[in-house]
Amino acid sequence: MAEELILGLDFGTSSVKGIFIDFQGSILKRVESKIETKHSLGAHAEQNALDYLVALKDISSKNSDLISRVVSIGLSGQTPSVVCADKDGQPVRPVLIWQDNRAVAEATELDKRFGNPLQVIGTSLPWSASACPAKLLWLSRNDNKLWPKQNGSFNLKTLLAFT
């Protein structure tokens, strides 16, 4: 019987990386499948969420002999990133990755309105343009297909309930 393996996957900024390890801790193979990041307007950084799946399929198909032996998977990935999906789990817009800093005004607004985020979202990390709440607020104001406005307003507390 083939030896059981652990697969470690890192969904990073430039690629999805994998590492196959046996239960004694020996590395059998390191693999990588590149993904594209689109930068625009200086502060924008986006990826296609489906590229993550394409990379995972690439790694799986090129290493099918090892994949068949995997009994455990460990995951890591870039954060904070916002992946917006529909009710069926399909992405509806590009991912706003951690490098995306377009939500400066929204981060400033959240800081002024809520102060220390510990009481609101459970972390004392500062409100920042790269953080998910600021990105979600930016999306609510700038992506009418994703977040149609009702009565011309948007409720910050509703937004924060989803973060």
N, C-alpha and C. Protein backbone atom coordinates (compact mmCIF):
# COMPACT_ATOMS: atom_id res chain seq x y z
N MET A 1 0.84 -1.18 0.00
CA MET A 1 0.00 0.00 0.00
C MET A 1 0.88 1.24 0.00
N ALA A 2 0.49 2.25 -0.80
CA ALA A 2 1.26 3.49 -0.90
C ALA A 2 1.18 4.26 0.41
N GLU A 3 2.25 4.95 0.71
CA GLU A 3 2.33 5.73 1.94
C GLU A 3 1.40 6.95 1.86
N GLU A 4 0.68 7.22 2.95
CA GLU A 4 -0.23 8.36 3.01
C GLU A 4 0.56 9.66 3.10
N LEU A 5 -0.01 10.72 2.49
CA LEU A 5 0.69 12.00 2.42
C LEU A 5 -0.18 13.14 2.93
N ILE A 6 0.50 14.21 3.25
CA ILE A 6 -0.13 15.49 3.59
C ILE A 6 0.18 16.44 2.44
N LEU A 7 -0.81 17.22 2.04
CA LEU A 7 -0.61 18.25 1.03
C LEU A 7 -0.80 19.60 1.68
N GLY A 8 0.22 20.42 1.59
CA GLY A 8 0.11 21.81 2.05
C GLY A 8 -0.10 22.69 0.84
N LEU A 9 -1.09 23.57 0.90
CA LEU A 9 -1.38 24.49 -0.19
C LEU A 9 -1.34 25.92 0.31
N ASP A 10 -0.66 26.77 -0.45
CA ASP A 10 -0.60 28.20 -0.15
C ASP A 10 -1.13 28.96 -1.35
N PHE A 11 -2.27 29.62 -1.15
CA PHE A 11 -2.86 30.44 -2.20
C PHE A 11 -2.29 31.84 -2.05
N GLY A 12 -1.23 32.13 -2.80
CA GLY A 12 -0.49 33.37 -2.63
C GLY A 12 -0.82 34.42 -3.67
N THR A 13 -0.06 35.49 -3.60
CA THR A 13 -0.28 36.63 -4.49
C THR A 13 0.11 36.33 -5.93
N SER A 14 1.15 35.54 -6.14
CA SER A 14 1.62 35.29 -7.49
C SER A 14 1.41 33.85 -7.96
N SER A 15 1.06 32.95 -7.02
CA SER A 15 0.89 31.56 -7.42
C SER A 15 0.19 30.77 -6.32
N VAL A 16 -0.22 29.56 -6.70
CA VAL A 16 -0.66 28.58 -5.72
C VAL A 16 0.50 27.60 -5.60
N LYS A 17 0.99 27.44 -4.39
CA LYS A 17 2.12 26.55 -4.15
C LYS A 17 1.65 25.34 -3.37
N GLY A 18 2.22 24.20 -3.67
CA GLY A 18 1.88 22.98 -2.96
C GLY A 18 3.14 22.27 -2.49
N ILE A 19 2.99 21.52 -1.42
CA ILE A 19 4.10 20.73 -0.91
C ILE A 19 3.52 19.39 -0.43
N PHE A 20 4.10 18.31 -0.93
CA PHE A 20 3.69 16.96 -0.54
C PHE A 20 4.67 16.46 0.51
N ILE A 21 4.13 16.05 1.67
CA ILE A 21 4.96 15.64 2.80
C ILE A 21 4.46 14.30 3.31
N ASP A 22 5.41 13.42 3.68
CA ASP A 22 4.99 12.16 4.29
C ASP A 22 4.83 12.36 5.80
N PHE A 23 4.36 11.34 6.48
CA PHE A 23 4.07 11.46 7.91
C PHE A 23 5.31 11.47 8.79
N GLN A 24 6.47 11.27 8.17
CA GLN A 24 7.72 11.40 8.91
C GLN A 24 8.30 12.81 8.76
N GLY A 25 7.63 13.64 7.96
CA GLY A 25 8.06 15.02 7.76
C GLY A 25 8.96 15.23 6.56
N SER A 26 9.18 14.23 5.76
CA SER A 26 10.03 14.36 4.57
C SER A 26 9.24 15.01 3.44
N ILE A 27 9.86 15.95 2.77
CA ILE A 27 9.24 16.61 1.62
C ILE A 27 9.48 15.76 0.39
N LEU A 28 8.39 15.33 -0.24
CA LEU A 28 8.50 14.54 -1.45
C LEU A 28 8.58 15.41 -2.70
N LYS A 29 7.80 16.51 -2.68
CA LYS A 29 7.77 17.34 -3.88
C LYS A 29 7.19 18.71 -3.55
N ARG A 30 7.76 19.73 -4.20
CA ARG A 30 7.22 21.10 -4.13
C ARG A 30 6.71 21.43 -5.53
N VAL A 31 5.54 22.06 -5.61
CA VAL A 31 4.95 22.41 -6.90
C VAL A 31 4.41 23.84 -6.85
N GLU A 32 4.20 24.40 -8.03
CA GLU A 32 3.70 25.77 -8.11
C GLU A 32 2.95 25.96 -9.41
N SER A 33 1.87 26.72 -9.35
CA SER A 33 1.12 27.10 -10.53
C SER A 33 0.86 28.61 -10.45
N LYS A 34 1.35 29.34 -11.42
CA LYS A 34 1.29 30.80 -11.41
C LYS A 34 -0.14 31.30 -11.60
N ILE A 35 -0.45 32.44 -10.98
CA ILE A 35 -1.71 33.15 -11.19
C ILE A 35 -1.38 34.62 -11.44
N GLU A 36 -2.29 35.31 -12.10
CA GLU A 36 -2.07 36.70 -12.48
C GLU A 36 -2.74 37.65 -11.49
N THR A 37 -2.04 38.72 -11.18
CA THR A 37 -2.61 39.82 -10.41
C THR A 37 -2.66 41.03 -11.34
N LYS A 38 -3.82 41.66 -11.38
CA LYS A 38 -3.97 42.87 -12.21
C LYS A 38 -3.91 44.09 -11.30
N HIS A 39 -2.96 44.95 -11.61
CA HIS A 39 -2.81 46.21 -10.87
C HIS A 39 -3.26 47.34 -11.80
N SER A 40 -4.05 48.26 -11.25
CA SER A 40 -4.47 49.42 -12.03
C SER A 40 -4.75 50.59 -11.10
N LEU A 41 -4.72 51.76 -11.66
CA LEU A 41 -5.02 52.99 -10.93
C LEU A 41 -4.20 53.12 -9.65
N GLY A 42 -3.02 52.54 -9.64
CA GLY A 42 -2.13 52.68 -8.51
C GLY A 42 -2.48 51.84 -7.30
N ALA A 43 -3.71 51.94 -6.80
CA ALA A 43 -4.08 51.29 -5.55
C ALA A 43 -4.88 50.00 -5.76
N HIS A 44 -5.27 49.72 -6.98
CA HIS A 44 -6.11 48.54 -7.24
C HIS A 44 -5.24 47.30 -7.47
N ALA A 45 -5.63 46.19 -6.86
CA ALA A 45 -4.95 44.90 -7.07
C ALA A 45 -6.00 43.81 -7.01
N GLU A 46 -6.23 43.15 -8.15
CA GLU A 46 -7.31 42.16 -8.25
C GLU A 46 -6.83 40.87 -8.89
N GLN A 47 -7.52 39.79 -8.55
CA GLN A 47 -7.29 38.49 -9.17
C GLN A 47 -8.64 37.87 -9.53
N ASN A 48 -8.59 36.95 -10.47
CA ASN A 48 -9.77 36.19 -10.85
C ASN A 48 -9.87 34.99 -9.90
N ALA A 49 -10.96 34.90 -9.15
CA ALA A 49 -11.12 33.80 -8.18
C ALA A 49 -11.06 32.43 -8.86
N LEU A 50 -11.52 32.34 -10.10
CA LEU A 50 -11.48 31.06 -10.79
C LEU A 50 -10.05 30.62 -11.11
N ASP A 51 -9.10 31.58 -11.14
CA ASP A 51 -7.70 31.22 -11.35
C ASP A 51 -7.17 30.34 -10.22
N TYR A 52 -7.71 30.51 -9.01
CA TYR A 52 -7.30 29.67 -7.90
C TYR A 52 -7.66 28.21 -8.18
N LEU A 53 -8.86 28.01 -8.71
CA LEU A 53 -9.31 26.64 -9.03
C LEU A 53 -8.51 26.06 -10.20
N VAL A 54 -8.23 26.89 -11.19
CA VAL A 54 -7.43 26.44 -12.33
C VAL A 54 -6.05 26.00 -11.85
N ALA A 55 -5.45 26.77 -10.97
CA ALA A 55 -4.12 26.42 -10.43
C ALA A 55 -4.19 25.13 -9.63
N LEU A 56 -5.23 24.98 -8.84
CA LEU A 56 -5.39 23.75 -8.04
C LEU A 56 -5.58 22.53 -8.95
N LYS A 57 -6.36 22.68 -10.02
CA LYS A 57 -6.54 21.59 -10.98
C LYS A 57 -5.23 21.27 -11.68
N ASP A 58 -4.45 22.30 -11.99
CA ASP A 58 -3.15 22.11 -12.64
C ASP A 58 -2.23 21.29 -11.73
N ILE A 59 -2.15 21.69 -10.47
CA ILE A 59 -1.31 20.96 -9.51
C ILE A 59 -1.80 19.52 -9.35
N SER A 60 -3.10 19.35 -9.25
CA SER A 60 -3.67 18.00 -9.06
C SER A 60 -3.41 17.10 -10.26
N SER A 61 -3.67 17.62 -11.45
CA SER A 61 -3.52 16.78 -12.64
C SER A 61 -2.07 16.43 -12.93
N LYS A 62 -1.15 17.33 -12.65
CA LYS A 62 0.27 17.06 -12.90
C LYS A 62 0.91 16.18 -11.83
N ASN A 63 0.17 15.96 -10.74
CA ASN A 63 0.70 15.17 -9.63
C ASN A 63 -0.31 14.13 -9.17
N SER A 64 -1.02 13.53 -10.11
CA SER A 64 -2.11 12.61 -9.76
C SER A 64 -1.62 11.41 -8.95
N ASP A 65 -0.39 10.97 -9.18
CA ASP A 65 0.15 9.85 -8.42
C ASP A 65 0.27 10.20 -6.94
N LEU A 66 0.63 11.44 -6.63
CA LEU A 66 0.75 11.88 -5.24
C LEU A 66 -0.61 12.26 -4.66
N ILE A 67 -1.45 12.91 -5.46
CA ILE A 67 -2.78 13.33 -5.00
C ILE A 67 -3.58 12.13 -4.50
N SER A 68 -3.46 11.01 -5.17
CA SER A 68 -4.23 9.83 -4.76
C SER A 68 -3.82 9.31 -3.38
N ARG A 69 -2.69 9.75 -2.89
CA ARG A 69 -2.20 9.30 -1.58
C ARG A 69 -2.47 10.33 -0.47
N VAL A 70 -3.00 11.49 -0.82
CA VAL A 70 -3.22 12.57 0.15
C VAL A 70 -4.40 12.22 1.05
N VAL A 71 -4.17 12.29 2.36
CA VAL A 71 -5.23 12.02 3.35
C VAL A 71 -5.52 13.25 4.20
N SER A 72 -4.70 14.29 4.06
CA SER A 72 -4.90 15.51 4.84
C SER A 72 -4.36 16.69 4.05
N ILE A 73 -5.08 17.82 4.15
CA ILE A 73 -4.67 19.03 3.44
C ILE A 73 -4.61 20.19 4.42
N GLY A 74 -3.52 20.93 4.35
CA GLY A 74 -3.39 22.16 5.12
C GLY A 74 -3.43 23.34 4.17
N LEU A 75 -4.15 24.38 4.56
CA LEU A 75 -4.33 25.54 3.68
C LEU A 75 -3.78 26.81 4.32
N SER A 76 -3.21 27.66 3.49
CA SER A 76 -2.88 29.02 3.91
C SER A 76 -3.12 29.91 2.70
N GLY A 77 -3.28 31.18 2.95
CA GLY A 77 -3.53 32.08 1.83
C GLY A 77 -3.37 33.52 2.21
N GLN A 78 -3.37 34.32 1.18
CA GLN A 78 -3.22 35.75 1.38
C GLN A 78 -4.45 36.31 2.10
N THR A 79 -4.21 37.26 2.91
CA THR A 79 -5.29 37.89 3.65
C THR A 79 -4.91 39.32 3.94
N PRO A 80 -5.74 40.26 4.06
CA PRO A 80 -7.18 40.15 3.87
C PRO A 80 -7.55 40.34 2.41
N SER A 81 -8.33 39.46 1.89
CA SER A 81 -8.82 39.53 0.52
C SER A 81 -10.32 39.31 0.53
N VAL A 82 -11.02 39.96 -0.38
CA VAL A 82 -12.48 39.85 -0.46
C VAL A 82 -12.85 39.11 -1.74
N VAL A 83 -13.49 37.95 -1.56
CA VAL A 83 -14.02 37.17 -2.67
C VAL A 83 -15.54 37.27 -2.59
N CYS A 84 -16.15 37.87 -3.58
CA CYS A 84 -17.61 38.01 -3.61
C CYS A 84 -18.18 36.90 -4.49
N ALA A 85 -19.12 36.14 -3.92
CA ALA A 85 -19.70 35.00 -4.63
C ALA A 85 -21.22 35.06 -4.56
N ASP A 86 -21.85 34.43 -5.54
CA ASP A 86 -23.31 34.36 -5.53
C ASP A 86 -23.77 33.20 -4.65
N LYS A 87 -25.08 32.96 -4.63
CA LYS A 87 -25.64 31.93 -3.76
C LYS A 87 -25.16 30.53 -4.13
N ASP A 88 -24.64 30.36 -5.36
CA ASP A 88 -24.13 29.07 -5.80
C ASP A 88 -22.62 28.94 -5.61
N GLY A 89 -22.00 29.96 -5.00
CA GLY A 89 -20.57 29.93 -4.75
C GLY A 89 -19.71 30.37 -5.92
N GLN A 90 -20.34 30.93 -6.95
CA GLN A 90 -19.60 31.39 -8.11
C GLN A 90 -19.15 32.84 -7.92
N PRO A 91 -17.90 33.17 -8.25
CA PRO A 91 -17.44 34.55 -8.08
C PRO A 91 -18.21 35.50 -8.99
N VAL A 92 -18.51 36.67 -8.47
CA VAL A 92 -19.29 37.65 -9.22
C VAL A 92 -18.48 38.88 -9.63
N ARG A 93 -17.25 38.95 -9.15
CA ARG A 93 -16.36 40.05 -9.52
C ARG A 93 -14.94 39.64 -9.16
N PRO A 94 -13.95 40.36 -9.66
CA PRO A 94 -12.58 40.02 -9.27
C PRO A 94 -12.35 40.14 -7.76
N VAL A 95 -11.42 39.35 -7.27
CA VAL A 95 -11.05 39.36 -5.85
C VAL A 95 -10.26 40.65 -5.56
N LEU A 96 -10.63 41.33 -4.49
CA LEU A 96 -9.82 42.46 -4.01
C LEU A 96 -8.79 41.86 -3.06
N ILE A 97 -7.55 41.72 -3.54
CA ILE A 97 -6.53 41.06 -2.72
C ILE A 97 -5.95 42.02 -1.69
N TRP A 98 -5.11 41.50 -0.82
CA TRP A 98 -4.54 42.27 0.29
C TRP A 98 -3.79 43.51 -0.18
N GLN A 99 -3.26 43.50 -1.39
CA GLN A 99 -2.52 44.65 -1.91
C GLN A 99 -3.43 45.78 -2.36
N ASP A 100 -4.72 45.53 -2.46
CA ASP A 100 -5.66 46.54 -2.93
C ASP A 100 -5.90 47.57 -1.82
N ASN A 101 -5.64 48.82 -2.12
CA ASN A 101 -5.75 49.89 -1.13
C ASN A 101 -6.63 51.04 -1.62
N ARG A 102 -7.64 50.74 -2.41
CA ARG A 102 -8.49 51.80 -2.94
C ARG A 102 -9.45 52.37 -1.90
N ALA A 103 -9.63 51.70 -0.78
CA ALA A 103 -10.66 52.10 0.19
C ALA A 103 -10.12 52.99 1.31
N VAL A 104 -9.25 53.93 0.96
CA VAL A 104 -8.65 54.82 1.97
C VAL A 104 -9.72 55.66 2.65
N ALA A 105 -10.60 56.27 1.89
CA ALA A 105 -11.65 57.12 2.48
C ALA A 105 -12.57 56.30 3.38
N GLU A 106 -12.88 55.09 2.97
CA GLU A 106 -13.76 54.23 3.76
C GLU A 106 -13.08 53.80 5.07
N ALA A 107 -11.79 53.51 5.02
CA ALA A 107 -11.06 53.15 6.24
C ALA A 107 -11.04 54.33 7.22
N THR A 108 -10.82 55.52 6.70
CA THR A 108 -10.84 56.73 7.55
C THR A 108 -12.21 56.93 8.17
N GLU A 109 -13.25 56.72 7.38
CA GLU A 109 -14.62 56.86 7.88
C GLU A 109 -14.92 55.84 8.98
N LEU A 110 -14.52 54.60 8.77
CA LEU A 110 -14.75 53.56 9.78
C LEU A 110 -14.00 53.87 11.07
N ASP A 111 -12.79 54.37 10.95
CA ASP A 111 -12.01 54.73 12.13
C ASP A 111 -12.68 55.86 12.90
N LYS A 112 -13.12 56.87 12.20
CA LYS A 112 -13.78 58.01 12.86
C LYS A 112 -15.09 57.59 13.50
N ARG A 113 -15.82 56.73 12.84
CA ARG A 113 -17.14 56.34 13.34
C ARG A 113 -17.07 55.33 14.49
N PHE A 114 -16.13 54.38 14.40
CA PHE A 114 -16.13 53.28 15.36
C PHE A 114 -14.92 53.24 16.29
N GLY A 115 -13.87 54.00 16.00
CA GLY A 115 -12.68 53.96 16.85
C GLY A 115 -12.03 52.59 16.82
N ASN A 116 -11.58 52.12 17.98
CA ASN A 116 -10.92 50.83 18.07
C ASN A 116 -11.86 49.73 17.57
N PRO A 117 -11.46 48.97 16.54
CA PRO A 117 -12.35 47.96 15.97
C PRO A 117 -12.56 46.73 16.84
N LEU A 118 -11.88 46.63 17.96
CA LEU A 118 -12.00 45.45 18.82
C LEU A 118 -13.45 45.17 19.19
N GLN A 119 -14.19 46.19 19.57
CA GLN A 119 -15.58 46.00 20.00
C GLN A 119 -16.52 45.70 18.82
N VAL A 120 -16.13 46.11 17.62
CA VAL A 120 -17.00 45.96 16.46
C VAL A 120 -16.76 44.65 15.72
N ILE A 121 -15.49 44.34 15.46
CA ILE A 121 -15.18 43.15 14.65
C ILE A 121 -14.23 42.18 15.34
N GLY A 122 -13.86 42.46 16.58
CA GLY A 122 -13.09 41.49 17.36
C GLY A 122 -11.60 41.52 17.17
N THR A 123 -11.05 42.57 16.59
CA THR A 123 -9.60 42.71 16.46
C THR A 123 -9.22 44.14 16.76
N SER A 124 -8.04 44.32 17.30
CA SER A 124 -7.57 45.68 17.56
C SER A 124 -6.68 46.18 16.44
N LEU A 125 -6.60 45.41 15.34
CA LEU A 125 -5.85 45.91 14.19
C LEU A 125 -6.52 47.17 13.68
N PRO A 126 -5.75 48.14 13.24
CA PRO A 126 -6.36 49.41 12.82
C PRO A 126 -7.20 49.24 11.55
N TRP A 127 -8.20 50.11 11.44
CA TRP A 127 -8.95 50.17 10.20
C TRP A 127 -7.96 50.57 9.12
N SER A 128 -7.95 49.88 8.01
CA SER A 128 -7.04 50.24 6.92
C SER A 128 -7.72 49.97 5.59
N ALA A 129 -7.19 50.61 4.56
CA ALA A 129 -7.75 50.44 3.21
C ALA A 129 -7.60 49.01 2.71
N SER A 130 -6.64 48.27 3.21
CA SER A 130 -6.44 46.89 2.76
C SER A 130 -7.32 45.89 3.52
N ALA A 131 -7.97 46.34 4.59
CA ALA A 131 -8.79 45.44 5.42
C ALA A 131 -10.17 45.23 4.79
N CYS A 132 -10.76 44.07 5.08
CA CYS A 132 -12.04 43.69 4.47
C CYS A 132 -13.19 44.65 4.74
N PRO A 133 -13.40 45.17 5.96
CA PRO A 133 -14.53 46.08 6.16
C PRO A 133 -14.46 47.31 5.25
N ALA A 134 -13.28 47.91 5.10
CA ALA A 134 -13.14 49.08 4.24
C ALA A 134 -13.38 48.70 2.78
N LYS A 135 -12.87 47.54 2.37
CA LYS A 135 -13.09 47.08 1.00
C LYS A 135 -14.57 46.83 0.72
N LEU A 136 -15.25 46.21 1.69
CA LEU A 136 -16.68 45.95 1.51
C LEU A 136 -17.48 47.25 1.45
N LEU A 137 -17.11 48.21 2.27
CA LEU A 137 -17.79 49.50 2.22
C LEU A 137 -17.54 50.18 0.88
N TRP A 138 -16.31 50.10 0.39
CA TRP A 138 -15.99 50.66 -0.93
C TRP A 138 -16.84 49.98 -2.01
N LEU A 139 -16.92 48.66 -1.97
CA LEU A 139 -17.73 47.93 -2.95
C LEU A 139 -19.19 48.35 -2.88
N SER A 140 -19.70 48.54 -1.66
CA SER A 140 -21.11 48.92 -1.51
C SER A 140 -21.40 50.25 -2.16
N ARG A 141 -20.41 51.08 -2.26
CA ARG A 141 -20.59 52.42 -2.84
C ARG A 141 -20.21 52.50 -4.30
N ASN A 142 -19.46 51.54 -4.78
CA ASN A 142 -18.89 51.68 -6.12
C ASN A 142 -19.20 50.55 -7.09
N ASP A 143 -19.84 49.51 -6.63
CA ASP A 143 -20.17 48.40 -7.52
C ASP A 143 -21.68 48.19 -7.47
N ASN A 144 -22.40 48.92 -8.31
CA ASN A 144 -23.87 48.89 -8.30
C ASN A 144 -24.44 47.54 -8.72
N LYS A 145 -23.69 46.76 -9.50
CA LYS A 145 -24.18 45.45 -9.88
C LYS A 145 -24.10 44.48 -8.69
N LEU A 146 -23.07 44.64 -7.89
CA LEU A 146 -22.88 43.77 -6.74
C LEU A 146 -23.80 44.14 -5.59
N TRP A 147 -23.88 45.43 -5.31
CA TRP A 147 -24.63 45.92 -4.17
C TRP A 147 -25.59 47.03 -4.61
N PRO A 148 -26.73 46.68 -5.17
CA PRO A 148 -27.66 47.72 -5.59
C PRO A 148 -28.07 48.58 -4.40
N LYS A 149 -28.10 49.85 -4.62
CA LYS A 149 -28.46 50.78 -3.54
C LYS A 149 -29.97 50.78 -3.36
N GLN A 150 -30.41 50.79 -2.12
CA GLN A 150 -31.83 50.89 -1.81
C GLN A 150 -32.07 52.25 -1.17
N ASN A 151 -32.95 53.02 -1.76
CA ASN A 151 -33.27 54.35 -1.26
C ASN A 151 -32.03 55.24 -1.18
N GLY A 152 -31.02 54.98 -2.03
CA GLY A 152 -29.84 55.82 -2.09
C GLY A 152 -28.95 55.77 -0.87
N SER A 153 -29.12 54.79 0.01
CA SER A 153 -28.27 54.75 1.20
C SER A 153 -27.78 53.33 1.46
N PHE A 154 -26.81 53.23 2.33
CA PHE A 154 -26.28 51.95 2.72
C PHE A 154 -26.01 51.97 4.22
N ASN A 155 -26.34 50.92 4.90
CA ASN A 155 -26.23 50.85 6.35
C ASN A 155 -24.89 50.23 6.74
N LEU A 156 -24.02 51.01 7.42
CA LEU A 156 -22.72 50.51 7.85
C LEU A 156 -22.84 49.31 8.79
N LYS A 157 -23.82 49.32 9.68
CA LYS A 157 -23.96 48.20 10.61
C LYS A 157 -24.31 46.91 9.88
N THR A 158 -25.12 47.00 8.83
CA THR A 158 -25.42 45.83 8.03
C THR A 158 -24.16 45.30 7.38
N LEU A 159 -23.35 46.21 6.83
CA LEU A 159 -22.09 45.82 6.22
C LEU A 159 -21.19 45.12 7.23
N LEU A 160 -21.04 45.68 8.40
CA LEU A 160 -20.14 45.12 9.39
C LEU A 160 -20.62 43.77 9.91
N ALA A 161 -21.89 43.50 9.79
CA ALA A 161 -22.41 42.20 10.20
C ALA A 161 -21.87 41.10 9.30
N PHE A 162 -21.44 41.44 8.10
CA PHE A 162 -20.93 40.45 7.16
C PHE A 162 -19.42 40.34 7.19
N THR A 163 -18.74 41.07 8.02
CA THR A 163 -17.27 41.04 8.02
C THR A 163 -16.76 40.09 9.06
